Amino acid sequence: AELWAADMYGEGPSMARAQKLPMERMWRDESHDWYECVFAPSDPRIHYLFQLSKEGISLMVDQDGIYPKGTKAPEDMVPFPFAYAYPEQAKPAWARGCVGYQIFPDRFRRAEQEPESQPVEPWDSTRYANEFRFGGNLNGIRQAVPYLKELGVGVVYMTPIFASNTSHRYNTFDYFTVDPLLGTLKELQALSDELHAAGIRIVLDGVFNHCGTEFPPFMDAQEKGLDSEYFDWFFFDKEKCPCGYLTFGHTPEMPKLNLKNESAAAYFVQVGTYWITKAHVDGWRLDVSPEVWPDFWRQFRRAVLLENPDALLVAECWDDSRQWVTQGDMFDSTMHYVLSRAVWLYFAERKISLKQFDFRVNRAMAMYPQAVQEVLWNFLGSHDTPRFITRAEGNESRLRAAVFFQMTHPGVPIIYYGDELGLMGGPDPDCRRPMPWDKAEGNPLLDFYKRLTTLRDSSEALRLGTFKTWRLKENGLYAYLRKSETQEALVVLNTSDTAADGMIELPKAFQGREAWTDGVSNKPLPVTGGSVRAALLPGEGLVLIREI
């Protein structure tokens, strides 16, 4: 494949003076090959088309369709226009490829406080339902900052922390007050400052699609009806809605907000900027983002970045998120459940083959530009899903394989609290069990996580590189390449449930050495006939890194 590109405002037919650039096939699935060309045009407003060649046959692709090369003169070609001259704002440097850690505050860690503001569950209680509160708090998270730093975490994401009556706090009552059971504004500021001192950023959870029934504007609107200044902040409809108003899902405790209303939008924009400035937080993860009036997100982004140009905004979109993240006018990133589903189906549940998994990974890579790929939040599980180890029926080697893939894949690998200790948990609320701190000392799984986060942090290729499939083997060995400006890495992972042994042909750029050193085990790997031997137990992998 070849890209023809030219300044659309130059003299004469643009395709007569087009720059012809070779394209590289980067990704492939059952029905598509995706080619890519990275170049810097002198003028960002370009005309472009494609030439496809194989076995002496060349076809041209422009707006008119596909036709044999030479059928049209350059002046008759109808190239595609790209006239967008506005450069996208760069993603925050700190957010590119770092390791993330998701905390469900009520269940993470409890620092004893006297007196307790309200009764809480014993930490070993098995009453995980959302109405039971365990009393995890901000000071408890502060106590865990050294643990997070040692784990290699670069950003902490906390689910909602604002006043509510549930453990999850997605039914917010007061958006300007930290839930008293969690702590105070002063304690949140202290947590933020301690995380920053440890080199860790902090992202809050913004729930602006809906609120709780004790949110004062909702209470006022429900009491006064059309006489309330807040009536249009919500969707009251007694005929269509069983509870009299539209809700999140079918949950009466969570009335849906109307952010098309200007005063409601202004209120929640103020919420966003308030916590950025008062608590020194570094960004927002925005709940149920596809169901919110899209222009609100544009307003929200402008206001937040005015206060902190280095802030990160992450959508909670479970599907194709191109409309939300590609242009950069709403979100920087999304929770990448498209990739998560592929990981669950293959590594945990064995419902698809390695080849089918690779196709899904390739489709996910083709979905977003590289700048977006570098900041996508990649989960093995979250507060909304069963934990991976439970999906895998307790099979730890499958978890290790998935973690290895997660830590050597583009994006931001997010560790859901407790996964690194082997915490089990089924669907919500079972996936929200209290953190088993008694299992941290001498935990081999935790050590495995630490080795991988250390390796990732030391390698630009693993943090920021592109992804390209290299080889798939019948025995479950999976090899792929990561390439950045200064490094290239060859990753080989045993994805199967049994030991796998095979020769992996080295890419041309890795040829010419007698041996390589595995970045995971630090053991030498002799080169034989242009290949290295990968002898790996289930869940094990190796990484070869070369400088460019």
Protein backbone atom coordinates (compact mmCIF):
# COMPACT_ATOMS: atom_id res chain seq x y z
CA ALA A 1 0.00 0.00 0.00
CA GLU A 2 1.17 3.52 -0.82
CA LEU A 3 -0.19 6.85 0.37
CA TRP A 4 -0.37 9.74 -2.07
CA ALA A 5 -0.55 13.05 -0.19
CA ALA A 6 -0.30 16.68 -1.25
CA ASP A 7 -1.04 20.20 -0.06
CA MET A 8 -4.64 20.76 -1.16
CA TYR A 9 -3.96 24.45 -1.95
CA GLY A 10 -0.83 24.06 -4.07
CA GLU A 11 -0.72 24.95 -7.74
CA GLY A 12 -2.13 22.49 -10.26
CA PRO A 13 -3.81 19.12 -9.65
CA SER A 14 -2.85 17.93 -6.18
CA MET A 15 -2.26 14.32 -7.24
CA ALA A 16 0.13 15.41 -9.98
CA ARG A 17 2.52 16.66 -7.29
CA ALA A 18 1.65 14.16 -4.56
CA GLN A 19 4.25 12.79 -2.21
CA LYS A 20 4.20 8.99 -2.47
CA LEU A 21 4.80 7.29 0.85
CA PRO A 22 5.03 3.55 1.58
CA MET A 23 2.59 2.22 4.16
CA GLU A 24 3.24 -0.58 6.65
CA ARG A 25 0.68 -3.21 7.51
CA MET A 26 0.24 -2.89 11.26
CA TRP A 27 -2.89 -4.86 12.15
CA ARG A 28 -5.00 -7.69 10.76
CA ASP A 29 -8.23 -9.49 11.64
CA GLU A 30 -10.53 -11.98 9.91
CA SER A 31 -11.52 -9.57 7.14
CA HIS A 32 -9.27 -6.51 7.22
CA ASP A 33 -5.66 -5.44 6.92
CA TRP A 34 -4.84 -2.02 8.35
CA TYR A 35 -1.92 -0.06 6.92
CA GLU A 36 -0.27 2.95 8.48
CA CYS A 37 2.04 5.73 7.39
CA VAL A 38 3.46 8.30 9.80
CA PHE A 39 4.63 11.50 8.13
CA ALA A 40 4.77 15.26 8.72
CA PRO A 41 3.23 17.31 5.87
CA SER A 42 4.45 20.86 5.37
CA ASP A 43 0.80 22.01 5.46
CA PRO A 44 -1.71 20.03 7.56
CA ARG A 45 -4.50 20.64 5.01
CA ILE A 46 -3.97 17.81 2.56
CA HIS A 47 -5.52 15.79 -0.25
CA TYR A 48 -4.78 12.08 -0.17
CA LEU A 49 -5.61 8.75 -1.80
CA PHE A 50 -4.18 5.25 -1.87
CA GLN A 51 -2.42 2.94 -4.29
CA LEU A 52 -2.75 -0.80 -3.66
CA SER A 53 -0.35 -3.13 -5.49
CA LYS A 54 0.03 -6.90 -5.65
CA GLU A 55 1.52 -9.26 -8.21
CA GLY A 56 1.92 -6.56 -10.83
CA ILE A 57 -1.59 -5.16 -10.44
CA SER A 58 -2.04 -1.64 -9.07
CA LEU A 59 -5.37 -0.15 -8.00
CA MET A 60 -6.16 3.38 -6.93
CA VAL A 61 -8.61 4.26 -4.12
CA ASP A 62 -10.20 7.72 -4.02
CA GLN A 63 -13.64 9.19 -3.32
CA ASP A 64 -14.98 7.67 -6.55
CA GLY A 65 -14.03 4.15 -5.46
CA ILE A 66 -11.44 1.61 -6.65
CA TYR A 67 -10.09 1.59 -10.21
CA PRO A 68 -6.95 0.42 -12.10
CA LYS A 69 -3.97 2.73 -11.96
CA GLY A 70 -3.71 4.81 -15.12
CA THR A 71 -7.46 4.91 -15.68
CA LYS A 72 -7.63 8.52 -14.54
CA ALA A 73 -5.35 11.46 -15.17
CA PRO A 74 -4.19 13.25 -11.98
CA GLU A 75 -6.58 16.14 -12.59
CA ASP A 76 -9.51 13.70 -12.72
CA MET A 77 -8.72 11.95 -9.47
CA VAL A 78 -10.97 12.81 -6.53
CA PRO A 79 -8.74 12.57 -3.45
CA PHE A 80 -10.00 12.57 0.10
CA PRO A 81 -9.72 15.94 1.87
CA PHE A 82 -8.26 16.48 5.32
CA ALA A 83 -8.53 20.19 6.04
CA TYR A 84 -8.34 20.15 9.83
CA ALA A 85 -5.52 22.56 10.67
CA TYR A 86 -6.07 22.62 14.43
CA PRO A 87 -3.51 20.47 16.25
CA GLU A 88 -4.92 18.22 18.95
CA GLN A 89 -3.81 19.08 22.46
CA ALA A 90 -1.07 16.71 23.56
CA LYS A 91 -2.01 14.12 26.16
CA PRO A 92 -0.57 14.72 29.64
CA ALA A 93 2.94 13.31 29.62
CA TRP A 94 2.46 11.73 33.04
CA ALA A 95 -0.56 9.74 31.79
CA ARG A 96 1.17 8.08 28.84
CA GLY A 97 1.80 4.41 29.55
CA CYS A 98 1.97 4.70 33.34
CA VAL A 99 0.59 2.05 35.71
CA GLY A 100 -2.77 2.81 37.31
CA TYR A 101 -4.46 1.54 40.45
CA GLN A 102 -8.22 1.64 41.07
CA ILE A 103 -9.43 2.07 44.65
CA PHE A 104 -12.96 1.50 45.93
CA PRO A 105 -12.47 3.74 48.97
CA ASP A 106 -14.96 2.11 51.37
CA ARG A 107 -13.28 -1.27 51.00
CA PHE A 108 -9.59 -0.42 50.54
CA ARG A 109 -8.10 0.51 53.93
CA ARG A 110 -9.43 1.89 57.21
CA ALA A 111 -7.33 4.05 59.49
CA GLU A 112 -8.89 3.99 62.93
CA GLN A 113 -10.63 7.24 63.81
CA GLU A 114 -12.13 8.15 67.17
CA PRO A 115 -14.96 8.43 67.45
CA GLU A 116 -16.30 6.66 64.37
CA SER A 117 -18.83 8.92 62.63
CA GLN A 118 -21.20 5.98 62.15
CA PRO A 119 -21.28 2.20 62.67
CA VAL A 120 -19.28 0.22 60.12
CA GLU A 121 -18.83 -3.44 59.22
CA PRO A 122 -15.93 -5.44 60.68
CA TRP A 123 -13.17 -5.67 58.05
CA ASP A 124 -13.68 -9.45 57.84
CA SER A 125 -17.44 -9.15 57.32
CA THR A 126 -18.94 -10.94 54.34
CA ARG A 127 -21.85 -8.52 53.97
CA TYR A 128 -20.64 -7.01 50.69
CA ALA A 129 -23.96 -5.49 49.58
CA ASN A 130 -23.75 -1.80 48.76
CA GLU A 131 -25.82 -0.68 51.75
CA PHE A 132 -23.17 -2.00 54.15
CA ARG A 133 -20.27 0.36 54.74
CA PHE A 134 -16.87 -0.88 55.89
CA GLY A 135 -15.43 2.53 56.73
CA GLY A 136 -12.42 2.62 54.45
CA ASN A 137 -11.17 6.20 54.52
CA LEU A 138 -8.76 8.74 53.07
CA ASN A 139 -6.30 8.40 55.93
CA GLY A 140 -6.25 4.67 55.28
CA ILE A 141 -5.30 5.33 51.66
CA ARG A 142 -2.58 7.71 52.92
CA GLN A 143 -1.15 4.85 54.98
CA ALA A 144 -0.96 2.79 51.78
CA VAL A 145 1.01 5.34 49.72
CA PRO A 146 4.36 3.53 50.31
CA TYR A 147 2.68 0.26 49.23
CA LEU A 148 1.42 1.88 46.03
CA LYS A 149 4.79 3.42 45.26
CA GLU A 150 6.56 0.08 45.74
CA LEU A 151 4.00 -1.53 43.43
CA GLY A 152 5.04 0.91 40.69
CA VAL A 153 1.76 2.84 40.54
CA GLY A 154 1.78 6.14 38.62
CA VAL A 155 -1.87 7.16 39.00
CA VAL A 156 -4.57 6.32 41.54
CA TYR A 157 -8.20 6.39 40.45
CA MET A 158 -10.77 6.45 43.24
CA THR A 159 -14.45 5.71 42.76
CA PRO A 160 -16.76 8.46 44.16
CA ILE A 161 -15.83 10.09 47.44
CA PHE A 162 -18.66 12.58 47.89
CA ALA A 163 -21.48 12.56 50.46
CA SER A 164 -23.86 9.63 50.06
CA ASN A 165 -25.48 6.82 52.05
CA THR A 166 -24.06 3.84 50.14
CA SER A 167 -20.65 2.20 49.99
CA HIS A 168 -20.29 2.99 46.27
CA ARG A 169 -21.40 6.66 46.53
CA TYR A 170 -22.66 6.80 42.92
CA ASN A 171 -25.90 8.24 44.36
CA THR A 172 -24.30 11.55 45.34
CA PHE A 173 -26.08 13.92 47.76
CA ASP A 174 -23.51 16.73 47.95
CA TYR A 175 -20.92 17.23 45.22
CA PHE A 176 -18.94 19.78 47.23
CA THR A 177 -18.44 17.68 50.37
CA VAL A 178 -16.27 14.64 51.01
CA ASP A 179 -18.37 11.91 52.60
CA PRO A 180 -17.74 12.33 56.36
CA LEU A 181 -17.15 8.59 56.72
CA LEU A 182 -14.23 8.96 54.30
CA GLY A 183 -12.76 12.11 55.76
CA THR A 184 -12.52 15.82 55.09
CA LEU A 185 -11.33 18.21 52.42
CA LYS A 186 -8.18 18.76 54.46
CA GLU A 187 -7.52 15.00 54.51
CA LEU A 188 -8.14 14.77 50.76
CA GLN A 189 -5.63 17.58 50.23
CA ALA A 190 -3.13 15.73 52.41
CA LEU A 191 -3.68 12.50 50.45
CA SER A 192 -3.23 14.32 47.16
CA ASP A 193 -0.02 15.98 48.36
CA GLU A 194 1.43 12.71 49.69
CA LEU A 195 0.66 10.90 46.45
CA HIS A 196 2.31 13.69 44.46
CA ALA A 197 5.36 13.56 46.71
CA ALA A 198 5.60 9.84 45.86
CA GLY A 199 5.34 10.58 42.13
CA ILE A 200 1.73 9.36 41.90
CA ARG A 201 -1.17 11.28 40.33
CA ILE A 202 -4.78 11.17 41.57
CA VAL A 203 -7.99 11.02 39.50
CA LEU A 204 -11.49 11.39 40.96
CA ASP A 205 -14.76 9.85 39.76
CA GLY A 206 -17.31 12.38 38.49
CA VAL A 207 -20.92 11.19 38.48
CA PHE A 208 -22.74 13.81 36.42
CA ASN A 209 -25.19 11.58 34.55
CA HIS A 210 -27.29 11.15 37.69
CA CYS A 211 -27.37 12.05 41.38
CA GLY A 212 -28.89 10.73 44.60
CA THR A 213 -32.43 11.37 45.78
CA GLU A 214 -31.16 13.56 48.63
CA PHE A 215 -29.37 15.93 46.23
CA PRO A 216 -30.95 19.28 47.28
CA PRO A 217 -31.90 20.44 43.73
CA PHE A 218 -33.71 17.14 43.14
CA MET A 219 -35.52 17.36 46.47
CA ASP A 220 -36.58 20.91 45.64
CA ALA A 221 -37.77 19.96 42.15
CA GLN A 222 -39.66 16.94 43.44
CA GLU A 223 -41.38 19.02 46.14
CA LYS A 224 -42.24 22.14 44.09
CA GLY A 225 -42.67 20.66 40.62
CA LEU A 226 -42.79 23.26 37.85
CA ASP A 227 -42.37 26.03 40.42
CA SER A 228 -38.85 24.82 41.22
CA GLU A 229 -35.92 26.53 39.53
CA TYR A 230 -34.36 23.06 39.34
CA PHE A 231 -37.28 21.27 37.67
CA ASP A 232 -35.60 21.18 34.27
CA TRP A 233 -32.39 19.80 35.80
CA PHE A 234 -34.14 16.40 35.65
CA PHE A 235 -36.49 14.39 33.43
CA PHE A 236 -39.81 14.22 35.24
CA ASP A 237 -42.38 12.10 33.41
CA LYS A 238 -45.07 10.32 35.40
CA GLU A 239 -46.51 8.61 32.33
CA LYS A 240 -43.33 6.98 31.00
CA CYS A 241 -41.33 6.53 34.21
CA PRO A 242 -42.65 4.21 36.95
CA CYS A 243 -41.08 6.35 39.68
CA GLY A 244 -42.07 9.62 38.02
CA TYR A 245 -38.67 10.54 36.63
CA LEU A 246 -35.94 9.15 34.39
CA THR A 247 -33.12 7.40 36.22
CA PHE A 248 -29.76 5.75 35.68
CA GLY A 249 -30.76 2.35 34.39
CA HIS A 250 -33.91 1.47 36.32
CA THR A 251 -32.66 2.66 39.70
CA PRO A 252 -35.04 5.12 41.42
CA GLU A 253 -32.28 6.09 43.86
CA MET A 254 -30.35 7.66 40.98
CA PRO A 255 -32.37 10.38 39.15
CA LYS A 256 -30.93 11.25 35.75
CA LEU A 257 -29.57 14.78 35.29
CA ASN A 258 -30.34 17.02 32.32
CA LEU A 259 -27.06 18.70 31.46
CA LYS A 260 -28.56 20.25 28.37
CA ASN A 261 -30.00 22.68 30.91
CA GLU A 262 -27.55 25.61 31.11
CA SER A 263 -27.77 26.18 34.85
CA ALA A 264 -27.33 22.47 35.60
CA ALA A 265 -24.35 22.34 33.25
CA ALA A 266 -22.79 25.41 34.89
CA TYR A 267 -23.23 23.82 38.33
CA PHE A 268 -21.40 20.63 37.37
CA VAL A 269 -18.66 22.46 35.50
CA GLN A 270 -18.08 24.26 38.80
CA VAL A 271 -17.88 20.89 40.56
CA GLY A 272 -15.16 19.85 38.15
CA THR A 273 -13.02 22.94 38.62
CA TYR A 274 -13.59 23.11 42.40
CA TRP A 275 -11.87 19.80 43.15
CA ILE A 276 -9.09 20.43 40.64
CA THR A 277 -8.19 23.65 42.47
CA LYS A 278 -9.09 22.82 46.09
CA ALA A 279 -7.78 19.27 46.31
CA HIS A 280 -4.99 19.45 43.70
CA VAL A 281 -6.34 16.42 41.85
CA ASP A 282 -5.04 15.56 38.39
CA GLY A 283 -8.16 14.65 36.49
CA TRP A 284 -11.56 13.04 36.31
CA ARG A 285 -12.99 9.73 35.26
CA LEU A 286 -16.53 10.57 34.09
CA ASP A 287 -19.27 8.07 34.84
CA VAL A 288 -21.79 6.91 32.19
CA SER A 289 -20.27 9.47 29.81
CA PRO A 290 -22.08 8.39 26.59
CA GLU A 291 -25.47 9.17 28.17
CA VAL A 292 -24.59 12.77 29.04
CA TRP A 293 -25.35 15.69 26.68
CA PRO A 294 -22.14 15.75 24.54
CA ASP A 295 -21.66 19.51 24.52
CA PHE A 296 -21.49 19.47 28.31
CA TRP A 297 -18.24 17.49 28.06
CA ARG A 298 -16.78 20.17 25.80
CA GLN A 299 -17.68 22.85 28.34
CA PHE A 300 -16.34 20.71 31.17
CA ARG A 301 -13.05 20.06 29.37
CA ARG A 302 -12.44 23.74 28.59
CA ALA A 303 -13.07 24.75 32.19
CA VAL A 304 -10.96 22.00 33.78
CA LEU A 305 -8.00 22.55 31.47
CA LEU A 306 -8.14 26.27 32.15
CA GLU A 307 -7.46 25.45 35.81
CA ASN A 308 -4.99 22.62 35.13
CA PRO A 309 -3.71 22.22 31.54
CA ASP A 310 -2.11 18.92 32.59
CA ALA A 311 -5.37 17.32 33.75
CA LEU A 312 -6.63 14.01 32.34
CA LEU A 313 -10.25 13.32 31.40
CA VAL A 314 -11.33 9.69 31.01
CA ALA A 315 -14.69 8.51 29.66
CA GLU A 316 -16.57 5.53 31.01
CA CYS A 317 -17.60 4.08 27.67
CA TRP A 318 -17.84 0.30 27.41
CA ASP A 319 -17.81 0.20 23.61
CA ASP A 320 -16.24 1.89 20.59
CA SER A 321 -15.29 5.33 21.94
CA ARG A 322 -13.94 7.00 18.81
CA GLN A 323 -16.57 9.73 18.82
CA TRP A 324 -15.59 10.64 22.39
CA VAL A 325 -11.78 10.53 22.30
CA THR A 326 -10.42 10.81 18.76
CA GLN A 327 -10.94 14.54 18.20
CA GLY A 328 -9.69 15.50 21.67
CA ASP A 329 -12.48 18.00 22.34
CA MET A 330 -14.15 15.94 25.08
CA PHE A 331 -11.97 13.18 26.55
CA ASP A 332 -8.35 12.11 26.46
CA SER A 333 -9.06 8.45 27.11
CA THR A 334 -11.69 5.85 27.89
CA MET A 335 -12.02 2.73 29.99
CA HIS A 336 -10.99 0.23 27.32
CA TYR A 337 -13.56 -2.51 27.90
CA VAL A 338 -13.33 -3.46 24.21
CA LEU A 339 -9.91 -4.89 25.01
CA SER A 340 -11.05 -6.19 28.41
CA ARG A 341 -13.74 -8.35 26.81
CA ALA A 342 -11.16 -9.99 24.54
CA VAL A 343 -8.91 -10.68 27.54
CA TRP A 344 -11.78 -12.19 29.53
CA LEU A 345 -12.94 -14.41 26.68
CA TYR A 346 -9.49 -15.81 25.97
CA PHE A 347 -7.34 -15.75 29.09
CA ALA A 348 -10.04 -16.27 31.73
CA GLU A 349 -12.84 -18.22 30.07
CA ARG A 350 -11.18 -19.94 27.08
CA LYS A 351 -14.20 -19.20 24.89
CA ILE A 352 -12.11 -18.06 21.90
CA SER A 353 -8.85 -19.23 20.35
CA LEU A 354 -5.52 -17.43 20.46
CA LYS A 355 -5.99 -16.49 16.81
CA GLN A 356 -9.43 -15.03 17.51
CA PHE A 357 -8.02 -13.16 20.51
CA ASP A 358 -5.25 -11.70 18.37
CA PHE A 359 -7.80 -10.54 15.79
CA ARG A 360 -9.70 -8.72 18.55
CA VAL A 361 -6.50 -7.13 19.83
CA ASN A 362 -5.64 -5.97 16.31
CA ARG A 363 -9.11 -4.48 15.82
CA ALA A 364 -8.77 -2.63 19.11
CA MET A 365 -5.39 -1.27 18.03
CA ALA A 366 -6.82 -0.06 14.71
CA MET A 367 -9.65 1.70 16.53
CA TYR A 368 -7.66 4.65 17.94
CA PRO A 369 -4.64 6.78 16.97
CA GLN A 370 -1.37 6.02 18.74
CA ALA A 371 -1.66 9.15 20.94
CA VAL A 372 -4.96 7.83 22.30
CA GLN A 373 -3.67 4.26 22.60
CA GLU A 374 -0.95 5.47 24.96
CA VAL A 375 -3.48 6.71 27.53
CA LEU A 376 -6.31 4.15 27.24
CA TRP A 377 -7.20 2.60 30.59
CA ASN A 378 -6.85 -1.17 30.28
CA PHE A 379 -8.64 -3.24 32.94
CA LEU A 380 -8.72 -6.91 33.87
CA GLY A 381 -11.64 -6.09 36.14
CA SER A 382 -13.29 -3.22 37.98
CA HIS A 383 -15.97 -2.40 40.55
CA ASP A 384 -18.56 -3.14 37.84
CA THR A 385 -17.30 -6.59 36.79
CA PRO A 386 -16.38 -9.95 38.31
CA ARG A 387 -12.73 -10.13 39.27
CA PHE A 388 -10.48 -11.83 36.73
CA ILE A 389 -9.33 -14.59 39.10
CA THR A 390 -12.98 -15.50 39.70
CA ARG A 391 -13.76 -15.51 35.97
CA ALA A 392 -10.80 -17.88 35.63
CA GLU A 393 -12.21 -20.15 38.36
CA GLY A 394 -9.22 -19.48 40.61
CA ASN A 395 -6.60 -20.37 37.98
CA GLU A 396 -3.69 -18.12 38.97
CA SER A 397 -1.55 -18.95 35.94
CA ARG A 398 -4.29 -17.53 33.71
CA LEU A 399 -4.29 -14.37 35.81
CA ARG A 400 -0.50 -14.15 35.48
CA ALA A 401 -0.73 -14.53 31.70
CA ALA A 402 -3.38 -11.79 31.50
CA VAL A 403 -1.33 -9.50 33.75
CA PHE A 404 1.78 -10.12 31.64
CA PHE A 405 -0.16 -9.19 28.52
CA GLN A 406 -1.69 -6.14 30.25
CA MET A 407 1.72 -4.90 31.42
CA THR A 408 3.35 -5.33 28.00
CA HIS A 409 0.48 -3.85 25.95
CA PRO A 410 0.04 -0.18 24.97
CA GLY A 411 -1.98 2.06 27.26
CA VAL A 412 -2.35 2.40 31.02
CA PRO A 413 -2.64 -0.97 32.78
CA ILE A 414 -5.07 -0.44 35.67
CA ILE A 415 -4.76 -2.77 38.66
CA TYR A 416 -8.06 -3.18 40.49
CA TYR A 417 -7.26 -3.10 44.20
CA GLY A 418 -6.65 -6.57 45.60
CA ASP A 419 -6.09 -8.31 42.27
CA GLU A 420 -2.38 -8.24 43.02
CA LEU A 421 -3.11 -10.25 46.19
CA GLY A 422 -5.40 -12.77 44.51
CA LEU A 423 -8.65 -11.30 45.89
CA MET A 424 -11.68 -13.18 44.58
CA GLY A 425 -15.07 -11.66 43.74
CA GLY A 426 -18.05 -12.27 41.49
CA PRO A 427 -20.42 -9.70 39.98
CA ASP A 428 -21.24 -6.45 41.81
CA PRO A 429 -21.27 -6.22 44.82
CA ASP A 430 -19.12 -9.32 45.40
CA CYS A 431 -16.28 -7.72 43.42
CA ARG A 432 -16.15 -5.01 46.11
CA ARG A 433 -14.79 -7.09 48.98
CA PRO A 434 -12.47 -5.47 51.55
CA MET A 435 -8.75 -5.45 50.74
CA PRO A 436 -7.03 -8.50 52.34
CA TRP A 437 -4.01 -6.70 53.79
CA ASP A 438 -3.06 -9.81 55.76
CA LYS A 439 -2.11 -11.47 52.45
CA ALA A 440 0.36 -8.81 51.31
CA GLU A 441 3.46 -9.95 53.16
CA GLY A 442 5.50 -12.46 51.12
CA ASN A 443 2.82 -12.80 48.43
CA PRO A 444 4.37 -14.33 45.26
CA LEU A 445 1.63 -12.85 43.06
CA LEU A 446 2.36 -9.38 44.40
CA ASP A 447 6.06 -9.92 43.65
CA PHE A 448 5.09 -10.93 40.09
CA TYR A 449 3.18 -7.67 39.64
CA LYS A 450 6.12 -5.68 40.98
CA ARG A 451 8.59 -7.32 38.57
CA LEU A 452 6.38 -6.44 35.62
CA THR A 453 5.68 -2.86 36.67
CA THR A 454 9.42 -2.34 37.22
CA LEU A 455 10.19 -3.74 33.76
CA ARG A 456 7.50 -1.58 32.17
CA ASP A 457 8.75 1.55 33.93
CA SER A 458 12.29 0.90 32.68
CA SER A 459 11.32 0.45 29.02
CA GLU A 460 10.10 3.21 26.73
CA ALA A 461 9.01 0.60 24.20
CA LEU A 462 6.70 -1.12 26.71
CA ARG A 463 5.24 2.17 27.93
CA LEU A 464 4.88 4.08 24.66
CA GLY A 465 5.57 1.76 21.76
CA THR A 466 3.30 0.69 18.94
CA PHE A 467 1.90 -2.85 18.90
CA LYS A 468 2.31 -5.37 16.10
CA THR A 469 1.64 -9.11 16.17
CA TRP A 470 4.73 -11.14 15.32
CA ARG A 471 3.99 -14.87 15.70
CA LEU A 472 1.27 -17.18 17.04
CA LYS A 473 2.11 -20.80 17.83
CA GLU A 474 -0.18 -23.80 18.11
CA ASN A 475 1.09 -24.44 21.66
CA GLY A 476 -0.13 -21.01 22.87
CA LEU A 477 3.07 -19.00 22.49
CA TYR A 478 2.16 -15.45 21.50
CA ALA A 479 4.82 -13.06 20.20
CA TYR A 480 4.36 -9.35 19.50
CA LEU A 481 6.48 -6.29 18.92
CA ARG A 482 6.44 -2.96 20.71
CA LYS A 483 8.36 -0.11 19.09
CA SER A 484 8.99 3.46 20.27
CA GLU A 485 11.34 6.14 19.00
CA THR A 486 14.31 4.81 20.99
CA GLN A 487 13.54 1.13 21.64
CA GLU A 488 11.99 -1.99 20.21
CA ALA A 489 10.80 -4.92 22.31
CA LEU A 490 9.94 -8.47 21.31
CA VAL A 491 7.49 -9.98 23.81
CA VAL A 492 6.77 -13.71 23.98
CA LEU A 493 4.05 -15.01 26.30
CA ASN A 494 2.83 -18.50 27.09
CA THR A 495 -0.95 -18.00 27.03
CA SER A 496 -1.81 -21.69 27.48
CA ASP A 497 -2.56 -23.81 30.55
CA THR A 498 0.46 -26.06 30.01
CA ALA A 499 4.20 -25.56 29.59
CA ALA A 500 5.12 -24.40 26.10
CA ASP A 501 8.44 -24.82 24.32
CA GLY A 502 9.22 -23.51 20.86
CA MET A 503 11.60 -21.58 18.65
CA ILE A 504 10.62 -17.98 17.95
CA GLU A 505 12.02 -16.52 14.76
CA LEU A 506 13.63 -13.17 15.45
CA PRO A 507 12.59 -10.10 13.44
CA LYS A 508 15.25 -8.76 11.09
CA ALA A 509 16.17 -5.93 13.46
CA PHE A 510 16.92 -8.48 16.21
CA GLN A 511 19.21 -10.60 14.03
CA GLY A 512 23.01 -10.51 14.19
CA ARG A 513 23.60 -11.34 17.85
CA GLU A 514 24.80 -14.57 19.37
CA ALA A 515 22.50 -14.17 22.37
CA TRP A 516 19.89 -11.93 23.96
CA THR A 517 19.09 -11.30 27.62
CA ASP A 518 15.52 -11.79 28.78
CA GLY A 519 14.35 -8.63 30.53
CA VAL A 520 12.06 -10.61 32.85
CA SER A 521 14.42 -13.31 34.16
CA ASN A 522 17.74 -11.63 33.19
CA LYS A 523 18.80 -15.00 31.75
CA PRO A 524 20.69 -15.28 28.45
CA LEU A 525 18.88 -16.63 25.40
CA PRO A 526 21.23 -18.03 22.72
CA VAL A 527 20.33 -17.31 19.10
CA THR A 528 20.16 -20.43 16.92
CA GLY A 529 19.49 -20.13 13.22
CA GLY A 530 17.97 -16.69 13.66
CA SER A 531 15.61 -17.84 16.42
CA VAL A 532 15.49 -18.01 20.21
CA ARG A 533 14.00 -20.78 22.28
CA ALA A 534 11.03 -19.89 24.46
CA ALA A 535 10.51 -22.53 27.15
CA LEU A 536 7.82 -21.07 29.39
CA LEU A 537 5.48 -22.30 32.10
CA PRO A 538 1.83 -21.19 32.00
CA GLY A 539 1.62 -17.44 32.55
CA GLU A 540 5.32 -16.86 31.97
CA GLY A 541 6.80 -14.60 29.35
CA LEU A 542 10.04 -13.11 28.13
CA VAL A 543 10.98 -9.69 26.76
CA LEU A 544 13.89 -8.81 24.50
CA ILE A 545 14.71 -5.12 24.22
CA ARG A 546 16.99 -3.43 21.73
CA GLU A 547 17.99 0.21 21.52
CA ILE A 548 17.35 2.03 18.25
